[in-house]
Each structure stands twice: as C-alpha cells, then as structure tokens.
C-alpha cells in the first residue's frame, strides 16, 4: 500500500503538484473517501492517491512487528512504479 501511495504521489509531483503539503476538502460517505466534488486538478489527484491508499490499508493485515523495520532488511531489490 505504501509503495503504491508513494508512486501515486510521484506521479502527482511530475504533474506539478505538491502532494505532501496539498490540502483538500474531502468527505467520508459509507466508509469511503469521496473526492468527486474537487475541481482543482492537484487537489483531486492527491485525494485520489489518498483514497486508494485508504482502501488498501483498510483491507491489508497489520503486523506491529514491522512498525520500525529498517529498509536495509527488505533486500536489495525494490519494486518500481509503473
């Protein structure tokens, strides 16, 4: 989930947005983040990144064992963005 979210933010940055500080209005309806009322391109792009991440994190198992897991223990190969 985190890797996909990072890739989505990378795409937003390439489009001239600043996703790490971009603020936007959002709503939650039926446990779903809603982005459809946003008209600003960057706000909508970042909201959609966060919406997909929220869905992914909501469905993913959580293992507190990995909370402070150092990156170097993940191996030499790293997934790339598509």
PDB file of N, CA and C in Angstrom:
ATOM      1  N   UNK A   1       0.831  -1.199   0.000  1.00  0.00           N
ATOM      2  CA  UNK A   1       0.000   0.000   0.000  1.00  0.00           C
ATOM      3  C   UNK A   1       0.867   1.250   0.000  1.00  0.00           C
ATOM      4  N   UNK A   2       1.889   1.257   0.836  1.00  0.00           N
ATOM      5  CA  UNK A   2       2.738   2.446   0.950  1.00  0.00           C
ATOM      6  C   UNK A   2       3.493   2.707  -0.348  1.00  0.00           C
ATOM      7  N   UNK A   3       3.986   1.645  -0.977  1.00  0.00           N
ATOM      8  CA  UNK A   3       4.720   1.821  -2.231  1.00  0.00           C
ATOM      9  C   UNK A   3       3.818   2.401  -3.316  1.00  0.00           C
ATOM     10  N   UNK A   4       2.620   1.861  -3.443  1.00  0.00           N
ATOM     11  CA  UNK A   4       1.679   2.389  -4.438  1.00  0.00           C
ATOM     12  C   UNK A   4       1.339   3.849  -4.155  1.00  0.00           C
ATOM     13  N   UNK A   5       1.164   4.182  -2.878  1.00  0.00           N
ATOM     14  CA  UNK A   5       0.863   5.560  -2.487  1.00  0.00           C
ATOM     15  C   UNK A   5       2.036   6.477  -2.845  1.00  0.00           C
ATOM     16  N   UNK A   6       3.261   6.023  -2.568  1.00  0.00           N
ATOM     17  CA  UNK A   6       4.444   6.809  -2.931  1.00  0.00           C
ATOM     18  C   UNK A   6       4.518   7.023  -4.439  1.00  0.00           C
ATOM     19  N   UNK A   7       4.228   5.986  -5.213  1.00  0.00           N
ATOM     20  CA  UNK A   7       4.241   6.103  -6.676  1.00  0.00           C
ATOM     21  C   UNK A   7       3.178   7.086  -7.151  1.00  0.00           C
ATOM     22  N   UNK A   8       2.030   7.042  -6.547  1.00  0.00           N
ATOM     23  CA  UNK A   8       0.951   7.958  -6.905  1.00  0.00           C
ATOM     24  C   UNK A   8       1.372   9.398  -6.611  1.00  0.00           C
ATOM     25  N   UNK A   9       1.994   9.616  -5.468  1.00  0.00           N
ATOM     26  CA  UNK A   9       2.493  10.952  -5.129  1.00  0.00           C
ATOM     27  C   UNK A   9       3.595  11.379  -6.108  1.00  0.00           C
ATOM     28  N   UNK A  10       4.456  10.444  -6.511  1.00  0.00           N
ATOM     29  CA  UNK A  10       5.493  10.760  -7.502  1.00  0.00           C
ATOM     30  C   UNK A  10       4.864  11.253  -8.800  1.00  0.00           C
ATOM     31  N   UNK A  11       3.802  10.588  -9.231  1.00  0.00           N
ATOM     32  CA  UNK A  11       3.094  10.998 -10.444  1.00  0.00           C
ATOM     33  C   UNK A  11       2.524  12.400 -10.275  1.00  0.00           C
ATOM     34  N   UNK A  12       1.937  12.665  -9.123  1.00  0.00           N
ATOM     35  CA  UNK A  12       1.381  13.992  -8.855  1.00  0.00           C
ATOM     36  C   UNK A  12       2.481  15.058  -8.894  1.00  0.00           C
ATOM     37  N   UNK A  13       3.645  14.735  -8.340  1.00  0.00           N
ATOM     38  CA  UNK A  13       4.761  15.685  -8.369  1.00  0.00           C
ATOM     39  C   UNK A  13       5.218  15.949  -9.798  1.00  0.00           C
ATOM     40  N   UNK A  14       5.264  14.909 -10.618  1.00  0.00           N
ATOM     41  CA  UNK A  14       5.650  15.077 -12.024  1.00  0.00           C
ATOM     42  C   UNK A  14       4.649  15.943 -12.778  1.00  0.00           C
ATOM     43  N   UNK A  15       3.421  15.981 -12.295  1.00  0.00           N
ATOM     44  CA  UNK A  15       2.374  16.808 -12.908  1.00  0.00           C
ATOM     45  C   UNK A  15       2.369  18.232 -12.344  1.00  0.00           C
ATOM     46  N   UNK A  16       3.364  18.534 -11.482  1.00  0.00           N
ATOM     47  CA  UNK A  16       3.487  19.883 -10.945  1.00  0.00           C
ATOM     48  C   UNK A  16       2.769  20.117  -9.628  1.00  0.00           C
ATOM     49  N   UNK A  17       2.269  19.063  -9.023  1.00  0.00           N
ATOM     50  CA  UNK A  17       1.564  19.186  -7.741  1.00  0.00           C
ATOM     51  C   UNK A  17       2.548  18.964  -6.591  1.00  0.00           C
ATOM     52  N   UNK A  18       2.138  19.327  -5.399  1.00  0.00           N
ATOM     53  CA  UNK A  18       2.958  19.136  -4.209  1.00  0.00           C
ATOM     54  C   UNK A  18       2.144  18.308  -3.210  1.00  0.00           C
ATOM     55  N   UNK A  19       2.063  16.990  -3.438  1.00  0.00           N
ATOM     56  CA  UNK A  19       1.131  16.153  -2.677  1.00  0.00           C
ATOM     57  C   UNK A  19       1.384  16.061  -1.179  1.00  0.00           C
ATOM     58  N   UNK A  20       2.603  16.262  -0.744  1.00  0.00           N
ATOM     59  CA  UNK A  20       2.891  16.117   0.684  1.00  0.00           C
ATOM     60  C   UNK A  20       2.362  17.279   1.511  1.00  0.00           C
ATOM     61  N   UNK A  21       2.071  18.404   0.874  1.00  0.00           N
ATOM     62  CA  UNK A  21       1.535  19.553   1.601  1.00  0.00           C
ATOM     63  C   UNK A  21       0.197  20.033   1.032  1.00  0.00           C
ATOM     64  N   UNK A  22      -0.257  19.392  -0.041  1.00  0.00           N
ATOM     65  CA  UNK A  22      -1.515  19.792  -0.682  1.00  0.00           C
ATOM     66  C   UNK A  22      -2.693  19.538   0.257  1.00  0.00           C
ATOM     67  N   UNK A  23      -3.465  20.571   0.513  1.00  0.00           N
ATOM     68  CA  UNK A  23      -4.676  20.418   1.329  1.00  0.00           C
ATOM     69  C   UNK A  23      -5.868  20.318   0.405  1.00  0.00           C
ATOM     70  N   UNK A  24      -6.874  19.605   0.842  1.00  0.00           N
ATOM     71  CA  UNK A  24      -8.102  19.495   0.058  1.00  0.00           C
ATOM     72  C   UNK A  24      -9.251  19.145   0.983  1.00  0.00           C
ATOM     73  N   UNK A  25     -10.443  19.497   0.561  1.00  0.00           N
ATOM     74  CA  UNK A  25     -11.653  19.135   1.301  1.00  0.00           C
ATOM     75  C   UNK A  25     -12.069  17.736   0.868  1.00  0.00           C
ATOM     76  N   UNK A  26     -12.395  16.904   1.808  1.00  0.00           N
ATOM     77  CA  UNK A  26     -12.845  15.561   1.471  1.00  0.00           C
ATOM     78  C   UNK A  26     -14.024  15.214   2.361  1.00  0.00           C
ATOM     79  N   UNK A  27     -14.711  14.210   1.953  1.00  0.00           N
ATOM     80  CA  UNK A  27     -15.853  13.728   2.728  1.00  0.00           C
ATOM     81  C   UNK A  27     -15.744  12.220   2.842  1.00  0.00           C
ATOM     82  N   UNK A  28     -16.347  11.693   3.871  1.00  0.00           N
ATOM     83  CA  UNK A  28     -16.397  10.246   4.051  1.00  0.00           C
ATOM     84  C   UNK A  28     -17.862   9.838   4.055  1.00  0.00           C
ATOM     85  N   UNK A  29     -18.226   9.019   3.087  1.00  0.00           N
ATOM     86  CA  UNK A  29     -19.593   8.526   2.994  1.00  0.00           C
ATOM     87  C   UNK A  29     -19.562   7.007   2.911  1.00  0.00           C
ATOM     88  N   UNK A  30     -20.278   6.360   3.798  1.00  0.00           N
ATOM     89  CA  UNK A  30     -20.338   4.895   3.824  1.00  0.00           C
ATOM     90  C   UNK A  30     -18.930   4.294   3.874  1.00  0.00           C
ATOM     91  N   UNK A  31     -18.094   4.842   4.756  1.00  0.00           N
ATOM     92  CA  UNK A  31     -16.717   4.376   4.948  1.00  0.00           C
ATOM     93  C   UNK A  31     -15.857   4.501   3.700  1.00  0.00           C
ATOM     94  N   UNK A  32     -16.166   5.463   2.837  1.00  0.00           N
ATOM     95  CA  UNK A  32     -15.399   5.687   1.620  1.00  0.00           C
ATOM     96  C   UNK A  32     -15.038   7.165   1.508  1.00  0.00           C
ATOM     97  N   UNK A  33     -13.776   7.438   1.227  1.00  0.00           N
ATOM     98  CA  UNK A  33     -13.342   8.812   0.994  1.00  0.00           C
ATOM     99  C   UNK A  33     -13.914   9.265  -0.343  1.00  0.00           C
ATOM    100  N   UNK A  34     -14.517  10.448  -0.353  1.00  0.00           N
ATOM    101  CA  UNK A  34     -15.116  10.990  -1.577  1.00  0.00           C
ATOM    102  C   UNK A  34     -14.270  12.155  -2.077  1.00  0.00           C
ATOM    103  N   UNK A  35     -13.906  12.111  -3.350  1.00  0.00           N
ATOM    104  CA  UNK A  35     -13.100  13.164  -3.971  1.00  0.00           C
ATOM    105  C   UNK A  35     -13.825  13.818  -5.139  1.00  0.00           C
ATOM    106  N   UNK A  36     -15.033  13.378  -5.460  1.00  0.00           N
ATOM    107  CA  UNK A  36     -15.674  13.794  -6.702  1.00  0.00           C
ATOM    108  C   UNK A  36     -16.073  15.262  -6.762  1.00  0.00           C
ATOM    109  N   UNK A  37     -16.176  15.960  -5.647  1.00  0.00           N
ATOM    110  CA  UNK A  37     -16.563  17.372  -5.674  1.00  0.00           C
ATOM    111  C   UNK A  37     -15.381  18.316  -5.880  1.00  0.00           C
ATOM    112  N   UNK A  38     -14.182  17.777  -5.932  1.00  0.00           N
ATOM    113  CA  UNK A  38     -12.997  18.622  -6.098  1.00  0.00           C
ATOM    114  C   UNK A  38     -12.839  19.034  -7.558  1.00  0.00           C
ATOM    115  N   UNK A  39     -12.552  20.308  -7.779  1.00  0.00           N
ATOM    116  CA  UNK A  39     -12.365  20.794  -9.149  1.00  0.00           C
ATOM    117  C   UNK A  39     -10.908  21.129  -9.450  1.00  0.00           C
ATOM    118  N   UNK A  40     -10.112  21.428  -8.412  1.00  0.00           N
ATOM    119  CA  UNK A  40      -8.690  21.690  -8.622  1.00  0.00           C
ATOM    120  C   UNK A  40      -7.987  20.388  -9.000  1.00  0.00           C
ATOM    121  N   UNK A  41      -7.219  20.418 -10.091  1.00  0.00           N
ATOM    122  CA  UNK A  41      -6.561  19.219 -10.615  1.00  0.00           C
ATOM    123  C   UNK A  41      -5.647  18.566  -9.579  1.00  0.00           C
ATOM    124  N   UNK A  42      -4.808  19.361  -8.909  1.00  0.00           N
ATOM    125  CA  UNK A  42      -3.875  18.796  -7.929  1.00  0.00           C
ATOM    126  C   UNK A  42      -4.598  18.262  -6.699  1.00  0.00           C
ATOM    127  N   UNK A  43      -5.582  18.995  -6.213  1.00  0.00           N
ATOM    128  CA  UNK A  43      -6.351  18.515  -5.062  1.00  0.00           C
ATOM    129  C   UNK A  43      -6.995  17.173  -5.377  1.00  0.00           C
ATOM    130  N   UNK A  44      -7.586  17.070  -6.556  1.00  0.00           N
ATOM    131  CA  UNK A  44      -8.263  15.825  -6.931  1.00  0.00           C
ATOM    132  C   UNK A  44      -7.256  14.683  -7.063  1.00  0.00           C
ATOM    133  N   UNK A  45      -6.110  14.965  -7.693  1.00  0.00           N
ATOM    134  CA  UNK A  45      -5.091  13.937  -7.887  1.00  0.00           C
ATOM    135  C   UNK A  45      -4.603  13.393  -6.543  1.00  0.00           C
ATOM    136  N   UNK A  46      -4.311  14.289  -5.607  1.00  0.00           N
ATOM    137  CA  UNK A  46      -3.812  13.872  -4.294  1.00  0.00           C
ATOM    138  C   UNK A  46      -4.904  13.146  -3.513  1.00  0.00           C
ATOM    139  N   UNK A  47      -6.119  13.633  -3.590  1.00  0.00           N
ATOM    140  CA  UNK A  47      -7.228  12.969  -2.905  1.00  0.00           C
ATOM    141  C   UNK A  47      -7.404  11.546  -3.422  1.00  0.00           C
ATOM    142  N   UNK A  48      -7.306  11.366  -4.736  1.00  0.00           N
ATOM    143  CA  UNK A  48      -7.457  10.023  -5.303  1.00  0.00           C
ATOM    144  C   UNK A  48      -6.320   9.104  -4.856  1.00  0.00           C
ATOM    145  N   UNK A  49      -5.107   9.642  -4.742  1.00  0.00           N
ATOM    146  CA  UNK A  49      -3.987   8.849  -4.206  1.00  0.00           C
ATOM    147  C   UNK A  49      -4.309   8.388  -2.786  1.00  0.00           C
ATOM    148  N   UNK A  50      -4.770   9.332  -1.971  1.00  0.00           N
ATOM    149  CA  UNK A  50      -5.078   9.019  -0.576  1.00  0.00           C
ATOM    150  C   UNK A  50      -6.278   8.085  -0.464  1.00  0.00           C
ATOM    151  N   UNK A  51      -7.247   8.251  -1.354  1.00  0.00           N
ATOM    152  CA  UNK A  51      -8.426   7.385  -1.366  1.00  0.00           C
ATOM    153  C   UNK A  51      -8.019   5.933  -1.630  1.00  0.00           C
ATOM    154  N   UNK A  52      -7.184   5.729  -2.638  1.00  0.00           N
ATOM    155  CA  UNK A  52      -6.734   4.369  -2.955  1.00  0.00           C
ATOM    156  C   UNK A  52      -5.904   3.785  -1.820  1.00  0.00           C
ATOM    157  N   UNK A  53      -5.065   4.606  -1.195  1.00  0.00           N
ATOM    158  CA  UNK A  53      -4.258   4.128  -0.070  1.00  0.00           C
ATOM    159  C   UNK A  53      -5.150   3.728   1.101  1.00  0.00           C
ATOM    160  N   UNK A  54      -6.165   4.522   1.382  1.00  0.00           N
ATOM    161  CA  UNK A  54      -7.082   4.206   2.481  1.00  0.00           C
ATOM    162  C   UNK A  54      -7.786   2.876   2.233  1.00  0.00           C
ATOM    163  N   UNK A  55      -8.205   2.639   0.995  1.00  0.00           N
ATOM    164  CA  UNK A  55      -8.839   1.354   0.656  1.00  0.00           C
ATOM    165  C   UNK A  55      -7.858   0.207   0.869  1.00  0.00           C
ATOM    166  N   UNK A  56      -6.630   0.396   0.410  1.00  0.00           N
ATOM    167  CA  UNK A  56      -5.613  -0.650   0.525  1.00  0.00           C
ATOM    168  C   UNK A  56      -5.301  -0.942   1.992  1.00  0.00           C
ATOM    169  N   UNK A  57      -5.053   0.121   2.769  1.00  0.00           N
ATOM    170  CA  UNK A  57      -4.734  -0.070   4.185  1.00  0.00           C
ATOM    171  C   UNK A  57      -5.908  -0.673   4.945  1.00  0.00           C
ATOM    172  N   UNK A  58      -7.110  -0.334   4.546  1.00  0.00           N
ATOM    173  CA  UNK A  58      -8.290  -0.888   5.199  1.00  0.00           C
ATOM    174  C   UNK A  58      -8.435  -2.381   4.983  1.00  0.00           C
ATOM    175  N   UNK A  59      -7.935  -2.861   3.846  1.00  0.00           N
ATOM    176  CA  UNK A  59      -8.057  -4.282   3.512  1.00  0.00           C
ATOM    177  C   UNK A  59      -6.823  -5.093   3.912  1.00  0.00           C
ATOM    178  N   UNK A  60      -5.717  -4.423   4.198  1.00  0.00           N
ATOM    179  CA  UNK A  60      -4.455  -5.114   4.465  1.00  0.00           C
ATOM    180  C   UNK A  60      -4.345  -5.531   5.932  1.00  0.00           C
ATOM    181  N   UNK A  61      -3.684  -6.661   6.177  1.00  0.00           N
ATOM    182  CA  UNK A  61      -3.437  -7.052   7.570  1.00  0.00           C
ATOM    183  C   UNK A  61      -2.381  -6.129   8.177  1.00  0.00           C
ATOM    184  N   UNK A  62      -2.449  -5.927   9.461  1.00  0.00           N
ATOM    185  CA  UNK A  62      -1.486  -5.081  10.162  1.00  0.00           C
ATOM    186  C   UNK A  62      -0.634  -5.954  11.063  1.00  0.00           C
ATOM    187  N   UNK A  63       0.680  -5.825  10.946  1.00  0.00           N
ATOM    188  CA  UNK A  63       1.590  -6.579  11.788  1.00  0.00           C
ATOM    189  C   UNK A  63       2.501  -5.583  12.512  1.00  0.00           C
ATOM    190  N   UNK A  64       2.275  -5.344  13.805  1.00  0.00           N
ATOM    191  CA  UNK A  64       3.076  -4.365  14.544  1.00  0.00           C
ATOM    192  C   UNK A  64       4.559  -4.729  14.618  1.00  0.00           C
ATOM    193  N   UNK A  65       4.902  -5.974  14.306  1.00  0.00           N
ATOM    194  CA  UNK A  65       6.301  -6.406  14.303  1.00  0.00           C
ATOM    195  C   UNK A  65       7.132  -5.568  13.324  1.00  0.00           C
ATOM    196  N   UNK A  66       6.513  -5.089  12.251  1.00  0.00           N
ATOM    197  CA  UNK A  66       7.241  -4.374  11.204  1.00  0.00           C
ATOM    198  C   UNK A  66       7.184  -2.853  11.338  1.00  0.00           C
ATOM    199  N   UNK A  67       6.678  -2.333  12.446  1.00  0.00           N
ATOM    200  CA  UNK A  67       6.470  -0.889  12.569  1.00  0.00           C
ATOM    201  C   UNK A  67       7.767  -0.084  12.434  1.00  0.00           C
ATOM    202  N   UNK A  68       8.852  -0.534  12.984  1.00  0.00           N
ATOM    203  CA  UNK A  68      10.135   0.174  12.879  1.00  0.00           C
ATOM    204  C   UNK A  68      11.157  -0.633  12.081  1.00  0.00           C
ATOM    205  N   UNK A  69      10.690  -1.459  11.178  1.00  0.00           N
ATOM    206  CA  UNK A  69      11.546  -2.329  10.379  1.00  0.00           C
ATOM    207  C   UNK A  69      12.457  -1.483   9.492  1.00  0.00           C
ATOM    208  N   UNK A  70      13.776  -1.660   9.587  1.00  0.00           N
ATOM    209  CA  UNK A  70      14.684  -0.856   8.759  1.00  0.00           C
ATOM    210  C   UNK A  70      14.666  -1.302   7.291  1.00  0.00           C
ATOM    211  N   UNK A  71      14.768  -0.334   6.388  1.00  0.00           N
ATOM    212  CA  UNK A  71      14.712  -0.617   4.954  1.00  0.00           C
ATOM    213  C   UNK A  71      15.774  -1.613   4.499  1.00  0.00           C
ATOM    214  N   UNK A  72      16.971  -1.571   5.096  1.00  0.00           N
ATOM    215  CA  UNK A  72      18.048  -2.435   4.609  1.00  0.00           C
ATOM    216  C   UNK A  72      17.737  -3.923   4.809  1.00  0.00           C
ATOM    217  N   UNK A  73      16.787  -4.244   5.676  1.00  0.00           N
ATOM    218  CA  UNK A  73      16.404  -5.641   5.870  1.00  0.00           C
ATOM    219  C   UNK A  73      15.374  -6.117   4.844  1.00  0.00           C
ATOM    220  N   UNK A  74      14.951  -5.230   3.970  1.00  0.00           N
ATOM    221  CA  UNK A  74      13.951  -5.599   2.960  1.00  0.00           C
ATOM    222  C   UNK A  74      14.583  -6.234   1.726  1.00  0.00           C
ATOM    223  N   UNK A  75      15.900  -6.244   1.634  1.00  0.00           N
ATOM    224  CA  UNK A  75      16.577  -6.846   0.492  1.00  0.00           C
ATOM    225  C   UNK A  75      17.094  -5.788  -0.472  1.00  0.00           C
ATOM    226  N   UNK A  76      17.765  -6.258  -1.509  1.00  0.00           N
ATOM    227  CA  UNK A  76      18.401  -5.356  -2.472  1.00  0.00           C
ATOM    228  C   UNK A  76      17.470  -4.914  -3.593  1.00  0.00           C
ATOM    229  N   UNK A  77      16.464  -5.712  -3.899  1.00  0.00           N
ATOM    230  CA  UNK A  77      15.559  -5.339  -4.984  1.00  0.00           C
ATOM    231  C   UNK A  77      14.381  -4.572  -4.411  1.00  0.00           C
ATOM    232  N   UNK A  78      14.013  -3.521  -5.094  1.00  0.00           N
ATOM    233  CA  UNK A  78      12.906  -2.684  -4.657  1.00  0.00           C
ATOM    234  C   UNK A  78      11.884  -2.603  -5.779  1.00  0.00           C
ATOM    235  N   UNK A  79      10.620  -2.614  -5.457  1.00  0.00           N
ATOM    236  CA  UNK A  79       9.606  -2.502  -6.514  1.00  0.00           C
ATOM    237  C   UNK A  79       9.710  -1.142  -7.200  1.00  0.00           C
ATOM    238  N   UNK A  80       9.353  -1.116  -8.467  1.00  0.00           N
ATOM    239  CA  UNK A  80       9.377   0.139  -9.212  1.00  0.00           C
ATOM    240  C   UNK A  80       7.948   0.583  -9.486  1.00  0.00           C
ATOM    241  N   UNK A  81       7.808   1.855  -9.778  1.00  0.00           N
ATOM    242  CA  UNK A  81       6.494   2.395 -10.123  1.00  0.00           C
ATOM    243  C   UNK A  81       6.206   2.083 -11.585  1.00  0.00           C
ATOM    244  N   UNK A  82       4.951   1.832 -11.895  1.00  0.00           N
ATOM    245  CA  UNK A  82       4.577   1.549 -13.291  1.00  0.00           C
ATOM    246  C   UNK A  82       4.112   2.815 -13.939  1.00  0.00           C
TER     247      UNK A  82
END
